[in-house]
Amino acid sequence: MKQLLIYCRPGFEKEAAAEIQDKAGEFGCPGFARTKDDSGFVIYECFGPDDADLMARKLLYRELIFARQMLVVHAEVKDLPLDDRISPLLEAAEGMELCGDIRVETPDTNDGKELSKFCRKFTVPMRQALRGKGLLTRKEMNNRPVLHLFFLANNHALLGYSYSFNNSPFHMGIPRLRFASDSPSRSSLKLEEAFHVFIPRHEWELRLTSGMRAVDLCAAPGGWTHQLVSRDMMVTAIDHNPMDAKLMDTGQVKHYKDDAFSWRPARLNTYWLVSDMVEKPARVVSIMAAWLVEENCQEAIFNLKLPMKKRYAEAVHNLDQLKAKLAALGGFHVQAKQLYHDREEITVHVYRPFKVAKLIPKE
């Protein structure tokens, strides 16, 4: 198992490649990345025969910024006969560990989208055939590896597997979210996706619960505020520009036309701080770190806009600066991911695990 397959946003192959190259070096798994512009994926060629499997197990997926999914390539199958793709794929799958689920996927590109209907139809017969060969459990099991079929064309696929404890739980690594018609901005989907990616679902009732107080910096017109209001939180919105009238009519939003960089709450009862401000990353890092170190909030989610060049290096630099500033208080955990709804940006989540633990009721 010498190949590691990384899904990414089209146009960010070089960033995903630079990141996996760095991580592989830290793990002592030398190799090189193969990329194609706007392909939506990267293949890391390991020199060691078992290094790809080692990285798939030990390299924490949640710590990768630009990866949507990470899996080991078991085989590449070309020239699939269009009247019987299943037989050669079953033959290629021989020797794979018993898997608990199957995902038939494509790159997130225009060519990939043209294959999506075929992939949906192909999933059921392929699943049945794999079960018939004893390569897939009779029922879906989330404690077994996930088998992936990654179609590059209707006759060309990469066959591989990911570990269920160290992968994205979403098909193609993309949460399927529905835009609320009453939201003033599609940016609301960024924050909703961040909640899906960063906050374990079983902790939503504790960390995303009704009655919590939140602050949204540079909030107008209110896309992120809408996401908080929809969860019955009380929101303080800071922005010189007007907020959406329907949001204000909920009675859950207080709007202050103030400077987002200097405003602070009068009381230390804010749980969430969120911001999608269009500003230089260094300034955003400084203000977010200040709020967290001053304990003006307990958790924060915010975006960092990336430059046109050296985007991976810039992301790492700003995250390092953030961690250095947070060290003044300590105990913080920093996560970052380029979400599906992000563009030239990454989304960052910061919290203190021991503070979250205090929210969990003692039995």
Protein backbone atom coordinates (compact mmCIF):
# COMPACT_ATOMS: atom_id res chain seq x y z
CA MET A 1 0.00 0.00 0.00
CA LYS A 2 2.18 2.79 -1.30
CA GLN A 3 -0.36 5.43 -2.37
CA LEU A 4 -2.36 7.81 -0.21
CA LEU A 5 -5.28 9.57 -1.92
CA ILE A 6 -6.33 13.01 -0.69
CA TYR A 7 -9.53 14.72 -1.84
CA CYS A 8 -9.37 18.52 -1.87
CA ARG A 9 -11.04 21.62 -3.26
CA PRO A 10 -10.24 22.01 -6.98
CA GLY A 11 -7.53 24.62 -7.35
CA PHE A 12 -5.94 23.75 -4.00
CA GLU A 13 -4.03 20.66 -5.08
CA LYS A 14 -0.65 22.31 -4.44
CA GLU A 15 -1.68 23.26 -0.91
CA ALA A 16 -2.96 19.77 -0.15
CA ALA A 17 0.24 18.30 -1.62
CA ALA A 18 2.51 20.60 0.41
CA GLU A 19 0.62 19.72 3.56
CA ILE A 20 0.73 15.94 3.08
CA GLN A 21 4.42 16.19 2.14
CA ASP A 22 5.11 18.00 5.42
CA LYS A 23 3.09 15.52 7.48
CA ALA A 24 4.71 12.54 5.79
CA GLY A 25 8.12 13.95 6.66
CA GLU A 26 7.10 14.24 10.30
CA PHE A 27 6.02 10.57 10.25
CA GLY A 28 9.23 9.42 8.59
CA CYS A 29 7.32 8.30 5.48
CA PRO A 30 9.30 9.73 2.55
CA GLY A 31 7.73 10.04 -0.86
CA PHE A 32 6.40 12.59 -3.33
CA ALA A 33 3.04 14.07 -4.29
CA ARG A 34 1.48 13.82 -7.74
CA THR A 35 -0.91 16.62 -8.63
CA LYS A 36 -2.89 17.90 -11.58
CA ASP A 37 -4.29 21.42 -11.50
CA ASP A 38 -8.02 21.66 -10.77
CA SER A 39 -8.36 17.87 -10.49
CA GLY A 40 -9.71 17.94 -6.93
CA PHE A 41 -7.32 15.30 -5.58
CA VAL A 42 -3.69 14.52 -4.78
CA ILE A 43 -1.86 11.19 -4.73
CA TYR A 44 1.05 10.84 -2.35
CA GLU A 45 3.47 8.14 -3.49
CA CYS A 46 5.17 6.55 -0.50
CA PHE A 47 8.56 4.90 -0.87
CA GLY A 48 7.86 2.41 1.93
CA PRO A 49 5.50 -0.49 1.07
CA ASP A 50 3.28 -0.02 4.15
CA ASP A 51 3.67 3.71 4.72
CA ALA A 52 0.34 4.70 3.14
CA ASP A 53 -1.56 2.42 5.53
CA LEU A 54 0.49 3.72 8.46
CA MET A 55 -0.38 7.32 7.59
CA ALA A 56 -4.05 6.48 7.06
CA ARG A 57 -4.15 5.06 10.59
CA LYS A 58 -1.86 7.41 12.50
CA LEU A 59 -1.92 10.77 10.70
CA LEU A 60 -4.94 12.48 12.24
CA TYR A 61 -7.34 13.43 9.46
CA ARG A 62 -8.90 16.17 11.60
CA GLU A 63 -5.53 17.93 11.76
CA LEU A 64 -5.24 18.26 7.97
CA ILE A 65 -6.31 21.68 6.73
CA PHE A 66 -6.80 21.14 3.00
CA ALA A 67 -7.87 17.47 2.89
CA ARG A 68 -11.54 16.60 2.49
CA GLN A 69 -10.84 12.88 2.69
CA MET A 70 -7.83 10.59 3.15
CA LEU A 71 -7.61 6.97 2.05
CA VAL A 72 -5.22 4.24 0.97
CA VAL A 73 -5.24 3.24 -2.71
CA HIS A 74 -5.48 -0.53 -3.00
CA ALA A 75 -5.64 -0.69 -6.80
CA GLU A 76 -6.13 1.40 -9.91
CA VAL A 77 -8.47 -0.14 -12.47
CA LYS A 78 -8.48 1.21 -16.03
CA ASP A 79 -10.40 0.27 -19.17
CA LEU A 80 -13.38 -1.09 -17.27
CA PRO A 81 -15.80 -2.76 -19.71
CA LEU A 82 -18.95 -0.65 -19.76
CA ASP A 83 -21.17 -3.75 -19.86
CA ASP A 84 -19.55 -5.27 -16.73
CA ARG A 85 -17.55 -2.98 -14.47
CA ILE A 86 -18.25 -5.07 -11.37
CA SER A 87 -16.22 -8.20 -12.23
CA PRO A 88 -12.82 -6.49 -12.68
CA LEU A 89 -13.46 -4.33 -9.60
CA LEU A 90 -14.22 -7.43 -7.52
CA GLU A 91 -11.03 -9.03 -8.80
CA ALA A 92 -9.05 -5.90 -7.90
CA ALA A 93 -10.59 -5.89 -4.41
CA GLU A 94 -9.26 -9.35 -3.57
CA GLY A 95 -7.03 -9.23 -0.51
CA MET A 96 -8.68 -6.18 1.01
CA GLU A 97 -9.69 -6.23 4.66
CA LEU A 98 -13.40 -6.76 5.33
CA CYS A 99 -15.09 -3.36 5.07
CA GLY A 100 -18.22 -2.11 6.79
CA ASP A 101 -19.44 0.42 4.20
CA ILE A 102 -18.93 1.48 0.60
CA ARG A 103 -18.79 4.94 -0.94
CA VAL A 104 -18.80 5.40 -4.70
CA GLU A 105 -17.38 8.87 -5.31
CA THR A 106 -15.87 11.25 -7.84
CA PRO A 107 -13.68 14.36 -7.73
CA ASP A 108 -15.60 17.56 -6.96
CA THR A 109 -15.21 18.85 -10.52
CA ASN A 110 -17.53 19.44 -13.47
CA ASP A 111 -16.41 16.14 -15.01
CA GLY A 112 -16.97 14.45 -11.67
CA LYS A 113 -20.48 15.87 -11.37
CA GLU A 114 -21.35 14.28 -14.74
CA LEU A 115 -20.54 10.89 -13.18
CA SER A 116 -22.58 11.42 -10.02
CA LYS A 117 -25.82 9.93 -11.39
CA PHE A 118 -23.95 6.84 -12.57
CA CYS A 119 -22.25 6.50 -9.18
CA ARG A 120 -25.58 6.57 -7.34
CA LYS A 121 -26.99 3.84 -9.57
CA PHE A 122 -23.81 1.77 -9.41
CA THR A 123 -23.58 1.77 -5.61
CA VAL A 124 -26.35 -0.77 -4.92
CA PRO A 125 -25.24 -3.55 -7.31
CA MET A 126 -21.60 -3.03 -6.33
CA ARG A 127 -22.52 -3.28 -2.66
CA GLN A 128 -24.41 -6.52 -3.26
CA ALA A 129 -21.54 -7.99 -5.27
CA LEU A 130 -18.99 -7.12 -2.57
CA ARG A 131 -21.18 -8.73 0.08
CA GLY A 132 -21.53 -11.81 -2.08
CA LYS A 133 -17.74 -12.11 -2.20
CA GLY A 134 -17.36 -11.58 1.55
CA LEU A 135 -15.58 -8.25 1.09
CA LEU A 136 -18.30 -6.15 2.75
CA THR A 137 -20.28 -6.82 5.92
CA ARG A 138 -23.94 -7.81 5.53
CA LYS A 139 -24.99 -4.72 7.44
CA GLU A 140 -23.25 -1.36 7.59
CA MET A 141 -20.69 -1.39 10.41
CA ASN A 142 -18.97 1.82 11.49
CA ASN A 143 -16.18 -0.02 13.30
CA ARG A 144 -14.79 -1.46 10.06
CA PRO A 145 -12.85 0.28 7.27
CA VAL A 146 -14.78 2.09 4.54
CA LEU A 147 -14.31 0.89 0.96
CA HIS A 148 -14.02 3.73 -1.55
CA LEU A 149 -14.50 3.60 -5.31
CA PHE A 150 -13.20 6.88 -6.73
CA PHE A 151 -14.26 7.17 -10.37
CA LEU A 152 -12.12 9.40 -12.59
CA ALA A 153 -14.11 8.37 -15.68
CA ASN A 154 -16.85 5.85 -16.34
CA ASN A 155 -14.18 3.23 -17.12
CA HIS A 156 -11.43 4.30 -14.72
CA ALA A 157 -11.49 4.06 -10.92
CA LEU A 158 -9.23 4.05 -7.90
CA LEU A 159 -10.17 1.40 -5.34
CA GLY A 160 -9.17 2.03 -1.75
CA TYR A 161 -10.12 2.18 1.89
CA SER A 162 -10.18 4.59 4.79
CA TYR A 163 -10.33 3.91 8.51
CA SER A 164 -13.67 4.86 10.02
CA PHE A 165 -11.95 6.26 13.13
CA ASN A 166 -9.76 8.57 11.03
CA ASN A 167 -11.70 9.81 8.02
CA SER A 168 -14.41 12.23 7.01
CA PRO A 169 -17.82 10.70 7.73
CA PHE A 170 -19.31 12.51 4.73
CA HIS A 171 -19.72 11.26 1.16
CA MET A 172 -16.88 12.84 -0.88
CA GLY A 173 -15.90 14.59 2.35
CA ILE A 174 -18.73 17.11 1.85
CA PRO A 175 -21.60 17.63 4.33
CA ARG A 176 -24.91 17.93 2.50
CA LEU A 177 -26.57 21.07 3.88
CA ARG A 178 -29.71 22.91 2.85
CA PHE A 179 -29.73 26.70 2.59
CA ALA A 180 -32.47 28.26 4.72
CA SER A 181 -34.67 30.51 2.57
CA ASP A 182 -34.93 33.11 5.33
CA SER A 183 -31.16 33.46 5.77
CA PRO A 184 -29.81 36.84 4.58
CA SER A 185 -26.62 35.29 3.19
CA ARG A 186 -25.32 31.96 1.94
CA SER A 187 -22.36 32.47 4.28
CA SER A 188 -24.64 30.91 6.90
CA LEU A 189 -23.70 27.55 5.40
CA LYS A 190 -20.03 28.09 6.32
CA LEU A 191 -20.84 28.24 10.02
CA GLU A 192 -23.28 25.35 9.82
CA GLU A 193 -20.65 23.22 8.10
CA ALA A 194 -18.09 24.24 10.72
CA PHE A 195 -20.43 22.95 13.44
CA HIS A 196 -20.76 19.62 11.59
CA VAL A 197 -17.00 19.31 11.10
CA PHE A 198 -15.65 20.59 14.43
CA ILE A 199 -18.32 19.76 17.02
CA PRO A 200 -19.17 16.08 17.64
CA ARG A 201 -22.88 15.56 17.01
CA HIS A 202 -23.44 14.03 20.45
CA GLU A 203 -22.18 17.27 22.04
CA TRP A 204 -24.46 19.65 20.13
CA GLU A 205 -26.99 19.76 22.97
CA LEU A 206 -24.22 20.93 25.28
CA ARG A 207 -22.19 23.26 23.06
CA LEU A 208 -24.79 24.57 20.60
CA THR A 209 -27.76 24.84 22.87
CA SER A 210 -30.71 27.17 23.33
CA GLY A 211 -30.09 30.21 25.50
CA MET A 212 -26.33 30.42 24.94
CA ARG A 213 -24.90 33.89 24.35
CA ALA A 214 -22.87 34.54 21.23
CA VAL A 215 -21.08 37.47 19.60
CA ASP A 216 -20.73 37.88 15.83
CA LEU A 217 -18.03 40.36 14.79
CA CYS A 218 -18.54 42.07 11.41
CA ALA A 219 -21.93 40.41 11.36
CA ALA A 220 -23.91 42.28 8.66
CA PRO A 221 -26.10 41.36 6.95
CA GLY A 222 -26.33 38.40 9.31
CA GLY A 223 -25.51 35.07 7.64
CA TRP A 224 -23.60 33.71 10.63
CA THR A 225 -25.94 35.40 13.09
CA HIS A 226 -28.85 33.61 11.40
CA GLN A 227 -27.16 30.26 12.08
CA LEU A 228 -26.86 31.10 15.77
CA VAL A 229 -30.41 32.45 16.00
CA SER A 230 -31.74 29.27 14.36
CA ARG A 231 -30.25 27.40 17.33
CA ASP A 232 -32.10 29.70 19.74
CA MET A 233 -29.00 31.55 20.92
CA MET A 234 -28.98 35.18 22.03
CA VAL A 235 -26.63 37.06 19.70
CA THR A 236 -24.78 40.36 19.93
CA ALA A 237 -23.98 41.54 16.40
CA ILE A 238 -21.18 44.08 15.93
CA ASP A 239 -21.10 45.91 12.59
CA HIS A 240 -21.39 49.48 11.31
CA ASN A 241 -23.67 48.22 8.53
CA PRO A 242 -27.37 47.33 8.91
CA MET A 243 -28.52 43.86 9.90
CA ASP A 244 -31.27 41.90 8.20
CA ALA A 245 -34.67 43.14 9.39
CA LYS A 246 -36.14 39.65 9.85
CA LEU A 247 -33.26 38.69 12.14
CA MET A 248 -33.80 41.77 14.25
CA ASP A 249 -37.52 40.97 14.48
CA THR A 250 -36.74 37.68 16.25
CA GLY A 251 -35.84 39.58 19.41
CA GLN A 252 -32.73 37.39 19.78
CA VAL A 253 -30.26 39.89 18.30
CA LYS A 254 -28.76 43.06 19.75
CA HIS A 255 -27.00 45.15 17.11
CA TYR A 256 -24.23 47.58 18.02
CA LYS A 257 -22.81 49.82 15.29
CA ASP A 258 -19.36 49.69 16.79
CA ASP A 259 -15.80 48.80 15.83
CA ALA A 260 -15.37 45.02 15.75
CA PHE A 261 -11.72 45.28 16.79
CA SER A 262 -12.24 47.35 19.93
CA TRP A 263 -15.67 46.27 21.19
CA ARG A 264 -15.77 44.02 24.24
CA PRO A 265 -18.73 42.63 26.22
CA ALA A 266 -19.53 44.21 29.57
CA ARG A 267 -19.99 40.79 31.18
CA LEU A 268 -18.10 37.50 30.84
CA ASN A 269 -21.14 35.46 29.83
CA THR A 270 -20.43 34.95 26.12
CA TYR A 271 -19.93 31.34 25.09
CA TRP A 272 -19.47 31.61 21.31
CA LEU A 273 -17.44 34.16 19.35
CA VAL A 274 -17.80 33.91 15.57
CA SER A 275 -16.57 36.06 12.71
CA ASP A 276 -16.36 35.98 8.93
CA MET A 277 -14.65 39.35 8.62
CA VAL A 278 -12.82 40.30 5.43
CA GLU A 279 -9.54 41.40 6.95
CA LYS A 280 -5.84 40.52 6.89
CA PRO A 281 -5.31 37.19 8.68
CA ALA A 282 -2.78 38.68 11.12
CA ARG A 283 -5.36 41.18 12.40
CA VAL A 284 -8.02 38.49 12.74
CA VAL A 285 -5.61 36.26 14.65
CA SER A 286 -4.77 39.10 17.04
CA ILE A 287 -8.38 39.97 17.88
CA MET A 288 -9.48 36.34 18.27
CA ALA A 289 -6.52 35.49 20.47
CA ALA A 290 -7.21 38.55 22.64
CA TRP A 291 -10.84 37.54 23.18
CA LEU A 292 -9.87 33.98 24.11
CA VAL A 293 -6.97 34.86 26.40
CA GLU A 294 -9.08 37.53 28.15
CA GLU A 295 -11.75 34.80 28.56
CA ASN A 296 -14.39 36.95 26.89
CA CYS A 297 -15.65 33.75 25.21
CA GLN A 298 -15.30 29.99 25.61
CA GLU A 299 -15.22 28.83 21.99
CA ALA A 300 -14.52 30.65 18.73
CA ILE A 301 -15.02 29.92 15.04
CA PHE A 302 -13.64 32.35 12.47
CA ASN A 303 -12.31 32.54 8.94
CA LEU A 304 -8.84 33.49 7.76
CA LYS A 305 -8.65 34.81 4.20
CA LEU A 306 -5.74 33.42 2.18
CA PRO A 307 -3.48 35.22 -0.33
CA MET A 308 -3.30 34.17 -3.97
CA LYS A 309 0.17 32.67 -3.54
CA LYS A 310 1.87 30.58 -0.84
CA ARG A 311 -1.50 29.79 0.70
CA TYR A 312 -0.36 26.74 2.65
CA ALA A 313 2.65 28.57 4.09
CA GLU A 314 0.46 31.54 5.02
CA ALA A 315 -2.11 29.30 6.71
CA VAL A 316 0.56 27.53 8.77
CA HIS A 317 2.22 30.82 9.70
CA ASN A 318 -1.00 32.37 10.96
CA LEU A 319 -2.00 29.27 12.89
CA ASP A 320 1.45 29.22 14.52
CA GLN A 321 1.02 32.88 15.47
CA LEU A 322 -2.40 32.11 16.93
CA LYS A 323 -1.05 29.24 19.02
CA ALA A 324 1.80 31.41 20.28
CA LYS A 325 -0.62 34.12 21.42
CA LEU A 326 -2.94 31.59 23.07
CA ALA A 327 -0.03 30.17 25.05
CA ALA A 328 -0.34 33.19 27.37
CA LEU A 329 -3.31 31.43 28.99
CA GLY A 330 -2.79 27.87 27.78
CA GLY A 331 -4.98 24.81 27.45
CA PHE A 332 -6.36 25.68 24.01
CA HIS A 333 -6.98 23.29 21.14
CA VAL A 334 -6.83 24.73 17.61
CA GLN A 335 -8.42 23.09 14.58
CA ALA A 336 -8.46 24.42 11.02
CA LYS A 337 -10.09 23.19 7.83
CA GLN A 338 -10.84 24.48 4.38
CA LEU A 339 -14.55 23.71 4.33
CA TYR A 340 -16.62 22.94 1.25
CA HIS A 341 -18.35 26.32 1.57
CA ASP A 342 -15.05 28.16 2.00
CA ARG A 343 -13.33 29.67 -1.00
CA GLU A 344 -9.98 31.47 -0.67
CA GLU A 345 -10.04 30.94 3.09
CA ILE A 346 -9.85 28.46 5.93
CA THR A 347 -12.08 28.13 8.97
CA VAL A 348 -10.54 27.94 12.44
CA HIS A 349 -12.06 26.56 15.65
CA VAL A 350 -10.52 27.21 19.07
CA TYR A 351 -11.66 25.85 22.42
CA ARG A 352 -10.34 24.60 25.75
CA PRO A 353 -11.14 20.89 26.22
CA PHE A 354 -11.28 21.10 30.01
CA LYS A 355 -13.87 23.88 29.76
CA VAL A 356 -16.01 21.76 27.44
CA ALA A 357 -15.67 18.83 29.85
CA LYS A 358 -17.31 20.93 32.54
CA LEU A 359 -20.47 21.12 30.40
CA ILE A 360 -20.90 17.34 30.51
CA PRO A 361 -23.22 16.31 33.37
CA LYS A 362 -21.64 13.99 35.91
CA GLU A 363 -23.39 10.65 36.27
